[in-house]
Amino acid sequence: MPVKIIAQIFGLCAMVALFSIYQQTDRRKLIRSKLFADAFWVVHYVMLGAYGGAIPNFVGILREFIFINREKKKWANLIVWPILFVAFNWLLGYFTFSSPINIMPIAASTLVTISLWNRNPNITKILSIPVSMTFMVYDFFVGSWVGIANESLAIVSIIIYFIKAKKNKGRVDHEENNIQ
């Protein structure tokens, strides 16, 4: 089986891991899903020879191990962590730079780090929209067809989440008005 096909299969596994991420209301579950997806994306991008895409996902694995512990461990709540992860991403990006397109996933990962450090899952979802758009363009250039599909579905999933939340809020507001 050709390497590019196997790479797309790993990308598909990452997509499955991410499918529910934008529907999560619990921050720990959201980060856990992201952790599994990042591991599959690393293999996917390495197999495509797209190291610019592999780097932020590799750093993401380390990042999620720290961020998932923020509520339980004091050391994981230090502001130094997001700063270190952003710096580490850019440092690895500098050493593996081969074209300007490689900057896109590194820049997107900076925003991911900020969004995951934030404790509000809604902010994480909102910031994920420009991240997905950036990765979609990158995926086009490196031939990650599963990546393009993933980012498209991620954007649709985020929009669905907010439509459902707005509909549910409208229902709650309506019920509160009927009670009064």
Protein backbone atom coordinates (compact mmCIF):
# COMPACT_ATOMS: atom_id res chain seq x y z
CA MET A 1 0.00 0.00 0.00
CA PRO A 2 1.55 3.36 -1.00
CA VAL A 3 2.72 5.64 1.80
CA LYS A 4 0.40 8.48 0.78
CA ILE A 5 -2.65 6.22 1.14
CA ILE A 6 -1.50 5.01 4.56
CA ALA A 7 -0.94 8.66 5.51
CA GLN A 8 -4.54 9.46 4.58
CA ILE A 9 -5.73 6.54 6.75
CA PHE A 10 -3.87 8.00 9.75
CA GLY A 11 -5.47 11.34 8.91
CA LEU A 12 -8.86 9.63 8.89
CA CYS A 13 -8.13 8.22 12.37
CA ALA A 14 -7.27 11.74 13.54
CA MET A 15 -10.53 12.97 12.07
CA VAL A 16 -12.48 10.34 13.99
CA ALA A 17 -10.73 11.40 17.20
CA LEU A 18 -11.62 15.02 16.55
CA PHE A 19 -15.20 14.42 15.46
CA SER A 20 -16.70 15.02 18.88
CA ILE A 21 -14.24 17.63 20.13
CA TYR A 22 -16.35 20.64 19.17
CA GLN A 23 -19.46 19.16 20.75
CA GLN A 24 -17.77 18.79 24.14
CA THR A 25 -18.76 21.03 27.02
CA ASP A 26 -16.22 19.50 29.40
CA ARG A 27 -12.73 20.99 28.94
CA ARG A 28 -10.89 17.79 29.98
CA LYS A 29 -12.75 15.68 27.41
CA LEU A 30 -12.10 18.32 24.76
CA ILE A 31 -8.35 18.27 25.46
CA ARG A 32 -8.23 14.45 25.64
CA SER A 33 -9.83 14.20 22.19
CA LYS A 34 -7.30 16.74 20.89
CA LEU A 35 -4.44 14.70 22.35
CA PHE A 36 -5.43 11.54 20.48
CA ALA A 37 -6.00 13.45 17.27
CA ASP A 38 -2.60 15.14 17.49
CA ALA A 39 -0.85 11.77 17.74
CA PHE A 40 -2.55 10.57 14.53
CA TRP A 41 -1.87 13.88 12.74
CA VAL A 42 1.87 13.63 13.54
CA VAL A 43 2.09 10.27 11.77
CA HIS A 44 -0.12 11.55 8.91
CA TYR A 45 1.99 14.63 8.19
CA VAL A 46 5.34 12.85 8.62
CA MET A 47 4.24 10.23 6.09
CA LEU A 48 3.33 13.04 3.67
CA GLY A 49 6.74 14.66 4.28
CA ALA A 50 4.87 17.72 5.60
CA TYR A 51 6.96 18.45 8.67
CA GLY A 52 5.48 21.91 9.05
CA GLY A 53 2.17 20.20 9.86
CA ALA A 54 3.74 17.51 12.05
CA ILE A 55 5.55 19.97 14.33
CA PRO A 56 2.55 21.71 15.89
CA ASN A 57 0.80 18.38 16.39
CA PHE A 58 3.89 16.91 18.07
CA VAL A 59 4.14 19.95 20.35
CA GLY A 60 0.38 19.63 20.84
CA ILE A 61 0.79 16.16 22.37
CA LEU A 62 3.12 17.61 25.00
CA ARG A 63 0.87 20.65 25.45
CA GLU A 64 -2.26 18.57 26.06
CA PHE A 65 -0.49 16.42 28.67
CA ILE A 66 0.17 19.62 30.62
CA PHE A 67 -3.11 21.42 29.95
CA ILE A 68 -5.28 18.43 30.90
CA ASN A 69 -3.79 18.63 34.41
CA ARG A 70 -4.50 22.32 35.01
CA GLU A 71 -7.36 21.69 37.44
CA LYS A 72 -5.49 19.07 39.47
CA LYS A 73 -1.83 20.11 39.50
CA LYS A 74 -0.49 23.54 40.48
CA TRP A 75 2.59 23.19 38.28
CA ALA A 76 0.37 22.65 35.21
CA ASN A 77 -1.38 25.96 35.82
CA LEU A 78 1.74 28.13 35.48
CA ILE A 79 1.51 30.78 32.73
CA VAL A 80 4.97 29.75 31.57
CA TRP A 81 3.51 26.65 29.82
CA PRO A 82 1.65 28.32 26.95
CA ILE A 83 4.61 30.64 26.43
CA LEU A 84 7.01 27.68 26.27
CA PHE A 85 4.80 25.76 23.85
CA VAL A 86 4.43 28.72 21.50
CA ALA A 87 8.20 29.36 21.61
CA PHE A 88 8.98 25.64 21.10
CA ASN A 89 6.68 25.53 18.06
CA TRP A 90 8.35 28.54 16.46
CA LEU A 91 11.84 27.22 17.29
CA LEU A 92 11.14 23.86 15.67
CA GLY A 93 9.50 25.67 12.75
CA TYR A 94 12.62 27.78 12.30
CA PHE A 95 14.91 24.74 12.18
CA THR A 96 12.71 22.82 9.75
CA PHE A 97 11.72 25.78 7.56
CA SER A 98 11.62 24.86 3.89
CA SER A 99 8.99 27.21 2.45
CA PRO A 100 6.72 30.05 3.58
CA ILE A 101 3.76 27.63 3.63
CA ASN A 102 5.37 25.93 6.67
CA ILE A 103 4.64 29.04 8.72
CA MET A 104 0.87 28.49 8.46
CA PRO A 105 0.53 25.49 10.84
CA ILE A 106 2.99 27.04 13.30
CA ALA A 107 0.95 30.27 13.40
CA ALA A 108 -2.28 28.27 13.73
CA SER A 109 -0.77 26.29 16.58
CA THR A 110 -0.02 29.51 18.42
CA LEU A 111 -3.73 30.26 18.37
CA VAL A 112 -4.56 26.67 19.39
CA THR A 113 -2.28 26.99 22.41
CA ILE A 114 -4.03 30.20 23.47
CA SER A 115 -7.47 28.68 22.89
CA LEU A 116 -6.73 25.52 24.89
CA TRP A 117 -5.13 27.46 27.75
CA ASN A 118 -8.36 29.39 28.02
CA ARG A 119 -10.81 27.72 30.38
CA ASN A 120 -13.90 28.58 28.35
CA PRO A 121 -14.76 25.85 25.79
CA ASN A 122 -16.79 28.36 23.75
CA ILE A 123 -13.72 30.58 23.29
CA THR A 124 -11.74 27.47 22.30
CA LYS A 125 -14.35 26.71 19.64
CA ILE A 126 -14.46 30.29 18.31
CA LEU A 127 -10.67 30.47 18.01
CA SER A 128 -10.70 27.09 16.26
CA ILE A 129 -12.41 28.58 13.20
CA PRO A 130 -9.39 30.61 11.96
CA VAL A 131 -7.14 27.69 12.97
CA SER A 132 -9.17 25.33 10.77
CA MET A 133 -9.17 27.78 7.88
CA THR A 134 -5.37 28.11 8.10
CA PHE A 135 -4.83 24.37 8.25
CA MET A 136 -7.24 23.88 5.33
CA VAL A 137 -5.04 26.05 3.11
CA TYR A 138 -1.89 24.27 4.35
CA ASP A 139 -3.49 20.86 3.76
CA PHE A 140 -4.29 21.82 0.17
CA PHE A 141 -0.62 22.63 -0.50
CA VAL A 142 0.73 19.43 1.08
CA GLY A 143 -1.89 17.06 -0.35
CA SER A 144 -3.67 16.23 2.89
CA TRP A 145 -7.11 15.57 1.45
CA VAL A 146 -8.32 14.09 4.71
CA GLY A 147 -7.01 17.23 6.43
CA ILE A 148 -9.10 19.44 4.14
CA ALA A 149 -12.19 17.34 4.88
CA ASN A 150 -11.40 17.41 8.60
CA GLU A 151 -11.07 21.19 8.75
CA SER A 152 -14.27 21.62 6.74
CA LEU A 153 -16.15 19.31 9.10
CA ALA A 154 -14.60 21.03 12.12
CA ILE A 155 -15.95 24.39 10.99
CA VAL A 156 -19.39 22.90 10.31
CA SER A 157 -19.33 21.13 13.69
CA ILE A 158 -18.48 24.37 15.51
CA ILE A 159 -21.29 26.19 13.72
CA ILE A 160 -23.74 23.39 14.62
CA TYR A 161 -22.65 23.58 18.26
CA PHE A 162 -23.36 27.32 18.42
CA ILE A 163 -26.69 26.98 16.58
CA LYS A 164 -27.75 24.30 19.09
CA ALA A 165 -26.54 26.44 22.01
CA LYS A 166 -28.45 29.47 20.71
CA LYS A 167 -31.59 27.38 20.16
CA ASN A 168 -31.31 25.92 23.69
CA LYS A 169 -30.74 29.39 25.16
CA GLY A 170 -33.83 30.65 23.34
CA ARG A 171 -35.78 27.73 24.79
CA VAL A 172 -34.54 28.55 28.31
CA ASP A 173 -35.36 32.26 27.87
CA HIS A 174 -38.84 31.35 26.59
CA GLU A 175 -39.46 29.00 29.54
CA GLU A 176 -38.27 31.67 32.02
CA ASN A 177 -40.71 34.19 30.49
CA ASN A 178 -43.57 31.68 30.80
CA ILE A 179 -42.75 31.08 34.47
CA GLN A 180 -42.94 34.77 35.30
